[in-house]
Amino acid sequence: MYVAVNKGDKPNKHFVEYIDYLVSKNYVSEPMKPWVTRIKDNGNEATHELPPSDEKMATDTLQFTATLLHLIYEIEHQMGSSGR
């Protein structure tokens, strides 16, 4: 949600709408969409229940989120500051 709003979407929407926005603006590619949806579903479950932690899911979620933030913010900043 934060990334989508930071990149121009409106607040107070459903999370799936933020995923669609990020895809429509090419911040998330179509092949990446299932991963973002999986993270959304995992976060939604954790918000409403206290399921046992799944180490693989937590690791996958952390790695994908870090990669997504790296691509959207760090690479974008590096390209912008390179003068191109």
Protein backbone atom coordinates (compact mmCIF):
# COMPACT_ATOMS: atom_id res chain seq x y z
CA MET A 1 0.00 0.00 0.00
CA TYR A 2 2.71 2.46 0.99
CA VAL A 3 4.69 1.92 -2.22
CA ALA A 4 1.60 2.32 -4.42
CA VAL A 5 0.49 5.50 -2.64
CA ASN A 6 4.04 6.83 -2.69
CA LYS A 7 4.07 6.23 -6.44
CA GLY A 8 0.80 8.07 -7.07
CA ASP A 9 -2.17 5.88 -6.11
CA LYS A 10 -4.85 7.05 -3.68
CA PRO A 11 -5.02 5.88 -0.03
CA ASN A 12 -7.86 3.88 1.54
CA LYS A 13 -8.24 1.25 -1.13
CA HIS A 14 -8.18 -2.54 -1.00
CA PHE A 15 -4.71 -4.03 -1.07
CA VAL A 16 -5.42 -5.93 -4.29
CA GLU A 17 -6.10 -2.57 -5.96
CA TYR A 18 -2.61 -1.43 -4.96
CA ILE A 19 -1.14 -4.56 -6.53
CA ASP A 20 -3.03 -3.84 -9.75
CA TYR A 21 -1.81 -0.23 -9.66
CA LEU A 22 1.82 -1.28 -9.26
CA VAL A 23 1.43 -3.72 -12.16
CA SER A 24 -0.28 -1.09 -14.34
CA LYS A 25 2.59 1.33 -13.71
CA ASN A 26 5.21 -1.39 -14.35
CA TYR A 27 6.66 -1.29 -10.84
CA VAL A 28 5.65 -4.95 -10.55
CA SER A 29 5.84 -7.06 -13.68
CA GLU A 30 3.05 -9.46 -14.57
CA PRO A 31 5.26 -12.48 -13.68
CA MET A 32 5.90 -10.92 -10.24
CA LYS A 33 2.19 -10.43 -9.50
CA PRO A 34 1.66 -13.94 -8.01
CA TRP A 35 4.47 -13.25 -5.51
CA VAL A 36 2.95 -9.94 -4.45
CA THR A 37 -0.44 -11.64 -4.13
CA ARG A 38 1.13 -14.39 -2.03
CA ILE A 39 2.68 -11.80 0.28
CA LYS A 40 -0.70 -10.04 0.52
CA ASP A 41 -2.46 -13.29 1.40
CA ASN A 42 0.18 -14.20 3.98
CA GLY A 43 -0.03 -10.76 5.57
CA ASN A 44 -3.82 -10.86 5.60
CA GLU A 45 -3.80 -14.22 7.35
CA ALA A 46 -1.28 -12.99 9.91
CA THR A 47 -3.42 -9.91 10.57
CA HIS A 48 -6.55 -11.91 11.38
CA GLU A 49 -5.07 -15.01 12.96
CA LEU A 50 -1.93 -16.06 14.76
CA PRO A 51 -0.83 -19.02 12.66
CA PRO A 52 2.42 -20.82 13.42
CA SER A 53 5.31 -19.14 11.65
CA ASP A 54 6.45 -20.76 8.45
CA GLU A 55 10.17 -20.03 8.14
CA LYS A 56 10.25 -20.54 4.36
CA MET A 57 7.29 -18.20 3.79
CA ALA A 58 8.81 -15.59 6.08
CA THR A 59 12.17 -15.83 4.31
CA ASP A 60 10.58 -15.73 0.86
CA THR A 61 8.43 -12.75 1.84
CA LEU A 62 11.41 -10.87 3.25
CA GLN A 63 13.61 -11.57 0.22
CA PHE A 64 10.95 -10.58 -2.30
CA THR A 65 10.01 -7.45 -0.38
CA ALA A 66 13.65 -6.40 -0.14
CA THR A 67 14.12 -6.99 -3.87
CA LEU A 68 10.95 -5.07 -4.71
CA LEU A 69 12.00 -2.09 -2.58
CA HIS A 70 15.49 -2.23 -4.06
CA LEU A 71 14.13 -2.13 -7.60
CA ILE A 72 11.53 0.56 -6.96
CA TYR A 73 13.57 2.91 -4.80
CA GLU A 74 17.31 2.21 -4.89
CA ILE A 75 17.72 1.46 -8.60
CA GLU A 76 15.36 4.29 -9.52
CA HIS A 77 17.41 6.68 -7.33
CA GLN A 78 20.71 5.44 -8.76
CA MET A 79 19.47 5.89 -12.32
CA GLY A 80 18.18 9.36 -11.51
CA SER A 81 21.38 10.47 -9.84
CA SER A 82 23.54 9.16 -12.67
CA GLY A 83 22.37 12.03 -14.89
CA ARG A 84 20.69 9.85 -17.48
